[in-house]
Full PDB file with SEQRES, HELIX, SHEET, SSBOND, CRYST1, ORIGX, SCALE, CONECT and MASTER records, all heavy atoms in Angstrom:
SEQRES   1 A   35  ALA TYR VAL ALA GLY ALA GLY GLY LYS VAL ARG GLU ARG          
SEQRES   2 A   35  LEU GLU ARG PHE GLY VAL HIS GLY ILE LEU ALA SER ARG          
SEQRES   3 A   35  LEU SER ALA LEU GLU ALA ALA HIS SER                          
HELIX    1 AA1 GLY A    8  ARG A   16  1                                   9    
HELIX    2 AA2 ARG A   26  HIS A   34  1                                   9    
SHEET    1 AA1 2 VAL A   3  ALA A   4  0                                        
SHEET    2 AA1 2 ILE A  22  LEU A  23  1                                        
CRYST1    1.000    1.000    1.000  90.00  90.00  90.00 P 1           1          
ORIGX1      1.000000  0.000000  0.000000        0.00000                         
ORIGX2      0.000000  1.000000  0.000000        0.00000                         
ORIGX3      0.000000  0.000000  1.000000        0.00000                         
SCALE1      1.000000  0.000000  0.000000        0.00000                         
SCALE2      0.000000  1.000000  0.000000        0.00000                         
SCALE3      0.000000  0.000000  1.000000        0.00000                         
ATOM      1  N   ALA A   1       3.752  -4.345  -8.258  1.00  0.00           N  
ATOM      2  CA  ALA A   1       3.393  -2.962  -7.944  1.00  0.00           C  
ATOM      3  C   ALA A   1       2.826  -2.882  -6.532  1.00  0.00           C  
ATOM      4  O   ALA A   1       2.011  -3.724  -6.134  1.00  0.00           O  
ATOM      5  CB  ALA A   1       2.363  -2.452  -8.950  1.00  0.00           C  
ATOM      6  N   TYR A   2       3.315  -1.890  -5.763  1.00  0.00           N  
ATOM      7  CA  TYR A   2       2.864  -1.698  -4.405  1.00  0.00           C  
ATOM      8  C   TYR A   2       2.535  -0.219  -4.147  1.00  0.00           C  
ATOM      9  O   TYR A   2       3.191   0.662  -4.720  1.00  0.00           O  
ATOM     10  CB  TYR A   2       3.933  -2.145  -3.399  1.00  0.00           C  
ATOM     11  CG  TYR A   2       4.319  -3.608  -3.525  1.00  0.00           C  
ATOM     12  CD1 TYR A   2       5.478  -3.980  -4.212  1.00  0.00           C  
ATOM     13  CD2 TYR A   2       3.517  -4.592  -2.968  1.00  0.00           C  
ATOM     14  CE1 TYR A   2       5.842  -5.303  -4.337  1.00  0.00           C  
ATOM     15  CE2 TYR A   2       3.872  -5.928  -3.098  1.00  0.00           C  
ATOM     16  CZ  TYR A   2       5.018  -6.268  -3.782  1.00  0.00           C  
ATOM     17  OH  TYR A   2       5.340  -7.611  -3.921  1.00  0.00           O  
ATOM     18  N   VAL A   3       1.514   0.008  -3.332  1.00  0.00           N  
ATOM     19  CA  VAL A   3       1.195   1.358  -2.860  1.00  0.00           C  
ATOM     20  C   VAL A   3       1.534   1.400  -1.394  1.00  0.00           C  
ATOM     21  O   VAL A   3       0.897   0.709  -0.595  1.00  0.00           O  
ATOM     22  CB  VAL A   3      -0.285   1.705  -3.119  1.00  0.00           C  
ATOM     23  CG1 VAL A   3      -0.568   3.136  -2.630  1.00  0.00           C  
ATOM     24  CG2 VAL A   3      -0.629   1.575  -4.589  1.00  0.00           C  
ATOM     25  N   ALA A   4       2.541   2.198  -1.019  1.00  0.00           N  
ATOM     26  CA  ALA A   4       3.079   2.158   0.333  1.00  0.00           C  
ATOM     27  C   ALA A   4       2.641   3.381   1.148  1.00  0.00           C  
ATOM     28  O   ALA A   4       2.550   4.495   0.634  1.00  0.00           O  
ATOM     29  CB  ALA A   4       4.597   2.095   0.294  1.00  0.00           C  
ATOM     30  N   GLY A   5       2.414   3.150   2.448  1.00  0.00           N  
ATOM     31  CA  GLY A   5       2.222   4.237   3.392  1.00  0.00           C  
ATOM     32  C   GLY A   5       0.823   4.814   3.423  1.00  0.00           C  
ATOM     33  O   GLY A   5       0.580   5.865   4.048  1.00  0.00           O  
ATOM     34  N   ALA A   6      -0.143   4.168   2.778  1.00  0.00           N  
ATOM     35  CA  ALA A   6      -1.517   4.701   2.779  1.00  0.00           C  
ATOM     36  C   ALA A   6      -2.169   4.441   4.125  1.00  0.00           C  
ATOM     37  O   ALA A   6      -2.131   3.346   4.655  1.00  0.00           O  
ATOM     38  CB  ALA A   6      -2.329   4.033   1.667  1.00  0.00           C  
ATOM     39  N   GLY A   7      -2.764   5.494   4.663  1.00  0.00           N  
ATOM     40  CA  GLY A   7      -3.471   5.371   5.940  1.00  0.00           C  
ATOM     41  C   GLY A   7      -4.707   6.231   5.967  1.00  0.00           C  
ATOM     42  O   GLY A   7      -4.895   7.125   5.143  1.00  0.00           O  
ATOM     43  N   GLY A   8      -5.577   5.975   6.916  1.00  0.00           N  
ATOM     44  CA  GLY A   8      -6.768   6.800   7.100  1.00  0.00           C  
ATOM     45  C   GLY A   8      -7.653   6.823   5.865  1.00  0.00           C  
ATOM     46  O   GLY A   8      -7.935   5.806   5.236  1.00  0.00           O  
ATOM     47  N   LYS A   9      -8.085   8.039   5.488  1.00  0.00           N  
ATOM     48  CA  LYS A   9      -9.019   8.202   4.378  1.00  0.00           C  
ATOM     49  C   LYS A   9      -8.390   7.848   3.032  1.00  0.00           C  
ATOM     50  O   LYS A   9      -9.074   7.379   2.114  1.00  0.00           O  
ATOM     51  CB  LYS A   9      -9.545   9.625   4.332  1.00  0.00           C  
ATOM     52  CG  LYS A   9     -10.448   9.965   5.517  1.00  0.00           C  
ATOM     53  CD  LYS A   9     -11.023  11.366   5.389  1.00  0.00           C  
ATOM     54  CE  LYS A   9     -11.967  11.664   6.549  1.00  0.00           C  
ATOM     55  NZ  LYS A   9     -12.554  13.026   6.452  1.00  0.00           N  
ATOM     56  N   VAL A  10      -7.059   8.036   2.920  1.00  0.00           N  
ATOM     57  CA  VAL A  10      -6.387   7.682   1.678  1.00  0.00           C  
ATOM     58  C   VAL A  10      -6.466   6.181   1.455  1.00  0.00           C  
ATOM     59  O   VAL A  10      -6.785   5.700   0.350  1.00  0.00           O  
ATOM     60  CB  VAL A  10      -4.923   8.169   1.698  1.00  0.00           C  
ATOM     61  CG1 VAL A  10      -4.161   7.634   0.487  1.00  0.00           C  
ATOM     62  CG2 VAL A  10      -4.860   9.684   1.740  1.00  0.00           C  
ATOM     63  N   ARG A  11      -6.200   5.395   2.509  1.00  0.00           N  
ATOM     64  CA  ARG A  11      -6.264   3.934   2.393  1.00  0.00           C  
ATOM     65  C   ARG A  11      -7.697   3.493   2.109  1.00  0.00           C  
ATOM     66  O   ARG A  11      -7.939   2.605   1.268  1.00  0.00           O  
ATOM     67  CB  ARG A  11      -5.735   3.286   3.679  1.00  0.00           C  
ATOM     68  CG  ARG A  11      -5.637   1.765   3.577  1.00  0.00           C  
ATOM     69  CD  ARG A  11      -5.197   1.136   4.870  1.00  0.00           C  
ATOM     70  NE  ARG A  11      -4.971  -0.288   4.692  1.00  0.00           N  
ATOM     71  CZ  ARG A  11      -3.802  -0.864   4.445  1.00  0.00           C  
ATOM     72  NH1 ARG A  11      -2.717  -0.112   4.313  1.00  0.00           N  
ATOM     73  NH2 ARG A  11      -3.715  -2.168   4.284  1.00  0.00           N  
ATOM     74  N   GLU A  12      -8.675   4.131   2.808  1.00  0.00           N  
ATOM     75  CA  GLU A  12     -10.081   3.767   2.585  1.00  0.00           C  
ATOM     76  C   GLU A  12     -10.478   3.992   1.126  1.00  0.00           C  
ATOM     77  O   GLU A  12     -11.142   3.145   0.506  1.00  0.00           O  
ATOM     78  CB  GLU A  12     -10.986   4.605   3.478  1.00  0.00           C  
ATOM     79  CG  GLU A  12     -10.908   4.245   4.959  1.00  0.00           C  
ATOM     80  CD  GLU A  12     -11.774   5.154   5.814  1.00  0.00           C  
ATOM     81  OE1 GLU A  12     -12.619   5.892   5.230  1.00  0.00           O  
ATOM     82  OE2 GLU A  12     -11.596   5.167   7.048  1.00  0.00           O  
ATOM     83  N   ARG A  13     -10.054   5.104   0.552  1.00  0.00           N  
ATOM     84  CA  ARG A  13     -10.422   5.381  -0.835  1.00  0.00           C  
ATOM     85  C   ARG A  13      -9.757   4.398  -1.783  1.00  0.00           C  
ATOM     86  O   ARG A  13     -10.394   3.892  -2.720  1.00  0.00           O  
ATOM     87  CB  ARG A  13     -10.028   6.822  -1.192  1.00  0.00           C  
ATOM     88  CG  ARG A  13     -10.171   7.150  -2.666  1.00  0.00           C  
ATOM     89  CD  ARG A  13     -10.380   8.607  -2.902  1.00  0.00           C  
ATOM     90  NE  ARG A  13     -11.741   9.006  -2.569  1.00  0.00           N  
ATOM     91  CZ  ARG A  13     -12.228  10.224  -2.761  1.00  0.00           C  
ATOM     92  NH1 ARG A  13     -11.464  11.175  -3.266  1.00  0.00           N  
ATOM     93  NH2 ARG A  13     -13.469  10.510  -2.439  1.00  0.00           N  
ATOM     94  N   LEU A  14      -8.491   4.095  -1.571  1.00  0.00           N  
ATOM     95  CA  LEU A  14      -7.786   3.121  -2.430  1.00  0.00           C  
ATOM     96  C   LEU A  14      -8.450   1.758  -2.347  1.00  0.00           C  
ATOM     97  O   LEU A  14      -8.598   1.058  -3.363  1.00  0.00           O  
ATOM     98  CB  LEU A  14      -6.314   3.047  -2.032  1.00  0.00           C  
ATOM     99  CG  LEU A  14      -5.450   4.289  -2.349  1.00  0.00           C  
ATOM    100  CD1 LEU A  14      -4.094   4.179  -1.666  1.00  0.00           C  
ATOM    101  CD2 LEU A  14      -5.288   4.463  -3.848  1.00  0.00           C  
ATOM    102  N   GLU A  15      -8.811   1.342  -1.134  1.00  0.00           N  
ATOM    103  CA  GLU A  15      -9.446   0.033  -0.967  1.00  0.00           C  
ATOM    104  C   GLU A  15     -10.816  -0.009  -1.619  1.00  0.00           C  
ATOM    105  O   GLU A  15     -11.207  -1.022  -2.212  1.00  0.00           O  
ATOM    106  CB  GLU A  15      -9.551  -0.301   0.526  1.00  0.00           C  
ATOM    107  CG  GLU A  15      -8.194  -0.628   1.157  1.00  0.00           C  
ATOM    108  CD  GLU A  15      -8.309  -0.864   2.658  1.00  0.00           C  
ATOM    109  OE1 GLU A  15      -9.355  -0.474   3.242  1.00  0.00           O  
ATOM    110  OE2 GLU A  15      -7.363  -1.419   3.237  1.00  0.00           O  
ATOM    111  N   ARG A  16     -11.582   1.117  -1.521  1.00  0.00           N  
ATOM    112  CA  ARG A  16     -12.893   1.151  -2.168  1.00  0.00           C  
ATOM    113  C   ARG A  16     -12.761   1.041  -3.694  1.00  0.00           C  
ATOM    114  O   ARG A  16     -13.646   0.498  -4.352  1.00  0.00           O  
ATOM    115  CB  ARG A  16     -13.628   2.448  -1.812  1.00  0.00           C  
ATOM    116  CG  ARG A  16     -14.237   2.443  -0.419  1.00  0.00           C  
ATOM    117  CD  ARG A  16     -15.373   3.461  -0.320  1.00  0.00           C  
ATOM    118  NE  ARG A  16     -14.944   4.814  -0.657  1.00  0.00           N  
ATOM    119  CZ  ARG A  16     -14.459   5.680   0.213  1.00  0.00           C  
ATOM    120  NH1 ARG A  16     -14.323   5.325   1.491  1.00  0.00           N  
ATOM    121  NH2 ARG A  16     -14.101   6.890  -0.151  1.00  0.00           N  
ATOM    122  N   PHE A  17     -11.673   1.552  -4.228  1.00  0.00           N  
ATOM    123  CA  PHE A  17     -11.448   1.451  -5.671  1.00  0.00           C  
ATOM    124  C   PHE A  17     -10.833   0.102  -6.072  1.00  0.00           C  
ATOM    125  O   PHE A  17     -10.625  -0.147  -7.259  1.00  0.00           O  
ATOM    126  CB  PHE A  17     -10.531   2.591  -6.140  1.00  0.00           C  
ATOM    127  CG  PHE A  17     -11.251   3.861  -6.445  1.00  0.00           C  
ATOM    128  CD1 PHE A  17     -11.791   4.632  -5.422  1.00  0.00           C  
ATOM    129  CD2 PHE A  17     -11.429   4.299  -7.753  1.00  0.00           C  
ATOM    130  CE1 PHE A  17     -12.455   5.808  -5.693  1.00  0.00           C  
ATOM    131  CE2 PHE A  17     -12.109   5.466  -8.022  1.00  0.00           C  
ATOM    132  CZ  PHE A  17     -12.627   6.236  -6.997  1.00  0.00           C  
ATOM    133  N   GLY A  18     -10.529  -0.735  -5.081  1.00  0.00           N  
ATOM    134  CA  GLY A  18      -9.995  -2.057  -5.381  1.00  0.00           C  
ATOM    135  C   GLY A  18      -8.555  -2.057  -5.834  1.00  0.00           C  
ATOM    136  O   GLY A  18      -8.147  -2.949  -6.611  1.00  0.00           O  
ATOM    137  N   VAL A  19      -7.755  -1.076  -5.383  1.00  0.00           N  
ATOM    138  CA  VAL A  19      -6.352  -1.014  -5.773  1.00  0.00           C  
ATOM    139  C   VAL A  19      -5.580  -2.132  -5.061  1.00  0.00           C  
ATOM    140  O   VAL A  19      -5.733  -2.334  -3.832  1.00  0.00           O  
ATOM    141  CB  VAL A  19      -5.751   0.360  -5.400  1.00  0.00           C  
ATOM    142  CG1 VAL A  19      -4.241   0.393  -5.720  1.00  0.00           C  
ATOM    143  CG2 VAL A  19      -6.477   1.467  -6.167  1.00  0.00           C  
ATOM    144  N   HIS A  20      -4.781  -2.877  -5.809  1.00  0.00           N  
ATOM    145  CA  HIS A  20      -4.024  -3.997  -5.254  1.00  0.00           C  
ATOM    146  C   HIS A  20      -2.661  -3.552  -4.704  1.00  0.00           C  
ATOM    147  O   HIS A  20      -2.152  -2.516  -5.098  1.00  0.00           O  
ATOM    148  CB  HIS A  20      -3.784  -5.079  -6.328  1.00  0.00           C  
ATOM    149  CG  HIS A  20      -5.045  -5.649  -6.879  1.00  0.00           C  
ATOM    150  ND1 HIS A  20      -5.823  -6.555  -6.184  1.00  0.00           N  
ATOM    151  CD2 HIS A  20      -5.664  -5.447  -8.074  1.00  0.00           C  
ATOM    152  CE1 HIS A  20      -6.870  -6.888  -6.917  1.00  0.00           C  
ATOM    153  NE2 HIS A  20      -6.798  -6.220  -8.068  1.00  0.00           N  
ATOM    154  N   GLY A  21      -2.132  -4.350  -3.796  1.00  0.00           N  
ATOM    155  CA  GLY A  21      -0.764  -4.145  -3.327  1.00  0.00           C  
ATOM    156  C   GLY A  21      -0.608  -3.011  -2.328  1.00  0.00           C  
ATOM    157  O   GLY A  21       0.467  -2.401  -2.271  1.00  0.00           O  
ATOM    158  N   ILE A  22      -1.620  -2.727  -1.507  1.00  0.00           N  
ATOM    159  CA  ILE A  22      -1.527  -1.663  -0.528  1.00  0.00           C  
ATOM    160  C   ILE A  22      -0.780  -2.192   0.705  1.00  0.00           C  
ATOM    161  O   ILE A  22      -1.184  -3.195   1.301  1.00  0.00           O  
ATOM    162  CB  ILE A  22      -2.922  -1.157  -0.102  1.00  0.00           C  
ATOM    163  CG1 ILE A  22      -3.685  -0.648  -1.328  1.00  0.00           C  
ATOM    164  CG2 ILE A  22      -2.816  -0.061   0.942  1.00  0.00           C  
ATOM    165  CD1 ILE A  22      -5.121  -0.262  -1.024  1.00  0.00           C  
ATOM    166  N   LEU A  23       0.330  -1.522   1.070  1.00  0.00           N  
ATOM    167  CA  LEU A  23       1.115  -1.910   2.239  1.00  0.00           C  
ATOM    168  C   LEU A  23       1.206  -0.746   3.217  1.00  0.00           C  
ATOM    169  O   LEU A  23       1.077   0.430   2.818  1.00  0.00           O  
ATOM    170  CB  LEU A  23       2.506  -2.369   1.826  1.00  0.00           C  
ATOM    171  CG  LEU A  23       2.550  -3.629   0.944  1.00  0.00           C  
ATOM    172  CD1 LEU A  23       3.973  -3.912   0.502  1.00  0.00           C  
ATOM    173  CD2 LEU A  23       1.969  -4.828   1.700  1.00  0.00           C  
ATOM    174  N   ALA A  24       1.448  -1.060   4.483  1.00  0.00           N  
ATOM    175  CA  ALA A  24       1.371  -0.054   5.532  1.00  0.00           C  
ATOM    176  C   ALA A  24       2.501   0.957   5.498  1.00  0.00           C  
ATOM    177  O   ALA A  24       2.333   2.102   5.905  1.00  0.00           O  
ATOM    178  CB  ALA A  24       1.335  -0.732   6.914  1.00  0.00           C  
ATOM    179  N   SER A  25       3.695   0.560   5.013  1.00  0.00           N  
ATOM    180  CA  SER A  25       4.832   1.477   5.070  1.00  0.00           C  
ATOM    181  C   SER A  25       5.735   1.308   3.852  1.00  0.00           C  
ATOM    182  O   SER A  25       5.670   0.305   3.129  1.00  0.00           O  
ATOM    183  CB  SER A  25       5.640   1.243   6.341  1.00  0.00           C  
ATOM    184  OG  SER A  25       6.276  -0.021   6.302  1.00  0.00           O  
ATOM    185  N   ARG A  26       6.611   2.288   3.653  1.00  0.00           N  
ATOM    186  CA  ARG A  26       7.570   2.229   2.558  1.00  0.00           C  
ATOM    187  C   ARG A  26       8.580   1.110   2.799  1.00  0.00           C  
ATOM    188  O   ARG A  26       8.993   0.418   1.861  1.00  0.00           O  
ATOM    189  CB  ARG A  26       8.265   3.574   2.448  1.00  0.00           C  
ATOM    190  CG  ARG A  26       9.228   3.712   1.281  1.00  0.00           C  
ATOM    191  CD  ARG A  26       9.697   5.149   1.137  1.00  0.00           C  
ATOM    192  NE  ARG A  26      10.282   5.636   2.393  1.00  0.00           N  
ATOM    193  CZ  ARG A  26      10.052   6.855   2.879  1.00  0.00           C  
ATOM    194  NH1 ARG A  26       9.269   7.703   2.264  1.00  0.00           N  
ATOM    195  NH2 ARG A  26      10.652   7.230   4.009  1.00  0.00           N  
ATOM    196  N   LEU A  27       8.953   0.901   4.071  1.00  0.00           N  
ATOM    197  CA  LEU A  27       9.904  -0.171   4.392  1.00  0.00           C  
ATOM    198  C   LEU A  27       9.315  -1.529   4.027  1.00  0.00           C  
ATOM    199  O   LEU A  27      10.011  -2.381   3.435  1.00  0.00           O  
ATOM    200  CB  LEU A  27      10.255  -0.135   5.878  1.00  0.00           C  
ATOM    201  CG  LEU A  27      11.195  -1.225   6.383  1.00  0.00           C  
ATOM    202  CD1 LEU A  27      12.540  -1.155   5.659  1.00  0.00           C  
ATOM    203  CD2 LEU A  27      11.395  -1.096   7.902  1.00  0.00           C  
ATOM    204  N   SER A  28       8.022  -1.737   4.315  1.00  0.00           N  
ATOM    205  CA  SER A  28       7.374  -3.006   3.983  1.00  0.00           C  
ATOM    206  C   SER A  28       7.354  -3.208   2.487  1.00  0.00           C  
ATOM    207  O   SER A  28       7.593  -4.336   1.986  1.00  0.00           O  
ATOM    208  CB  SER A  28       5.929  -3.018   4.507  1.00  0.00           C  
ATOM    209  OG  SER A  28       5.896  -2.873   5.902  1.00  0.00           O  
ATOM    210  N   ALA A  29       7.132  -2.135   1.726  1.00  0.00           N  
ATOM    211  CA  ALA A  29       7.102  -2.241   0.278  1.00  0.00           C  
ATOM    212  C   ALA A  29       8.491  -2.579  -0.281  1.00  0.00           C  
ATOM    213  O   ALA A  29       8.633  -3.389  -1.207  1.00  0.00           O  
ATOM    214  CB  ALA A  29       6.601  -0.940  -0.334  1.00  0.00           C  
ATOM    215  N   LEU A  30       9.538  -1.929   0.260  1.00  0.00           N  
ATOM    216  CA  LEU A  30      10.908  -2.220  -0.195  1.00  0.00           C  
ATOM    217  C   LEU A  30      11.292  -3.666   0.145  1.00  0.00           C  
ATOM    218  O   LEU A  30      11.976  -4.333  -0.644  1.00  0.00           O  
ATOM    219  CB  LEU A  30      11.875  -1.234   0.434  1.00  0.00           C  
ATOM    220  CG  LEU A  30      11.840   0.200  -0.133  1.00  0.00           C  
ATOM    221  CD1 LEU A  30      12.636   1.135   0.760  1.00  0.00           C  
ATOM    222  CD2 LEU A  30      12.381   0.200  -1.570  1.00  0.00           C  
ATOM    223  N   GLU A  31      10.885  -4.132   1.319  1.00  0.00           N  
ATOM    224  CA  GLU A  31      11.167  -5.532   1.696  1.00  0.00           C  
ATOM    225  C   GLU A  31      10.457  -6.480   0.747  1.00  0.00           C  
ATOM    226  O   GLU A  31      11.026  -7.494   0.306  1.00  0.00           O  
ATOM    227  CB  GLU A  31      10.743  -5.786   3.135  1.00  0.00           C  
ATOM    228  CG  GLU A  31      11.627  -5.083   4.152  1.00  0.00           C  
ATOM    229  CD  GLU A  31      11.077  -5.203   5.577  1.00  0.00           C  
ATOM    230  OE1 GLU A  31       9.881  -5.561   5.716  1.00  0.00           O  
ATOM    231  OE2 GLU A  31      11.837  -4.968   6.524  1.00  0.00           O  
ATOM    232  N   ALA A  32       9.197  -6.175   0.390  1.00  0.00           N  
ATOM    233  CA  ALA A  32       8.447  -7.030  -0.546  1.00  0.00           C  
ATOM    234  C   ALA A  32       9.106  -7.006  -1.928  1.00  0.00           C  
ATOM    235  O   ALA A  32       9.208  -8.036  -2.596  1.00  0.00           O  
ATOM    236  CB  ALA A  32       6.995  -6.557  -0.627  1.00  0.00           C  
ATOM    237  N   ALA A  33       9.565  -5.814  -2.359  1.00  0.00           N  
ATOM    238  CA  ALA A  33      10.226  -5.688  -3.667  1.00  0.00           C  
ATOM    239  C   ALA A  33      11.516  -6.510  -3.684  1.00  0.00           C  
ATOM    240  O   ALA A  33      11.816  -7.219  -4.642  1.00  0.00           O  
ATOM    241  CB  ALA A  33      10.516  -4.220  -3.962  1.00  0.00           C  
ATOM    242  N   HIS A  34      12.298  -6.423  -2.601  1.00  0.00           N  
ATOM    243  CA  HIS A  34      13.551  -7.180  -2.517  1.00  0.00           C  
ATOM    244  C   HIS A  34      13.273  -8.676  -2.558  1.00  0.00           C  
ATOM    245  O   HIS A  34      13.990  -9.439  -3.227  1.00  0.00           O  
ATOM    246  CB  HIS A  34      14.271  -6.802  -1.217  1.00  0.00           C  
ATOM    247  CG  HIS A  34      15.637  -7.400  -1.088  1.00  0.00           C  
ATOM    248  ND1 HIS A  34      15.858  -8.629  -0.485  1.00  0.00           N  
ATOM    249  CD2 HIS A  34      16.856  -6.965  -1.522  1.00  0.00           C  
ATOM    250  CE1 HIS A  34      17.131  -8.905  -0.518  1.00  0.00           C  
ATOM    251  NE2 HIS A  34      17.791  -7.905  -1.148  1.00  0.00           N  
ATOM    252  N   SER A  35      12.201  -9.075  -1.871  1.00  0.00           N  
ATOM    253  CA  SER A  35      11.843 -10.487  -1.861  1.00  0.00           C  
ATOM    254  C   SER A  35      11.425 -10.947  -3.249  1.00  0.00           C  
ATOM    255  O   SER A  35      11.827 -12.033  -3.699  1.00  0.00           O  
ATOM    256  CB  SER A  35      10.694 -10.713  -0.874  1.00  0.00           C  
ATOM    257  OG  SER A  35      10.235 -12.049  -0.933  1.00  0.00           O  
TER     258      SER A  35                                                      
MASTER        0    0    0    2    2    0    0    6  257    1    0    3          
END                                                                             
């Protein structure tokens, strides 16, 4: 499971809640899924 494209306050909130698998972009998430 990946959360893609989170930035700014959205990323801060997800990180504070300890959500795993946060990636910078949708492309990075698709590459990780393919891998």
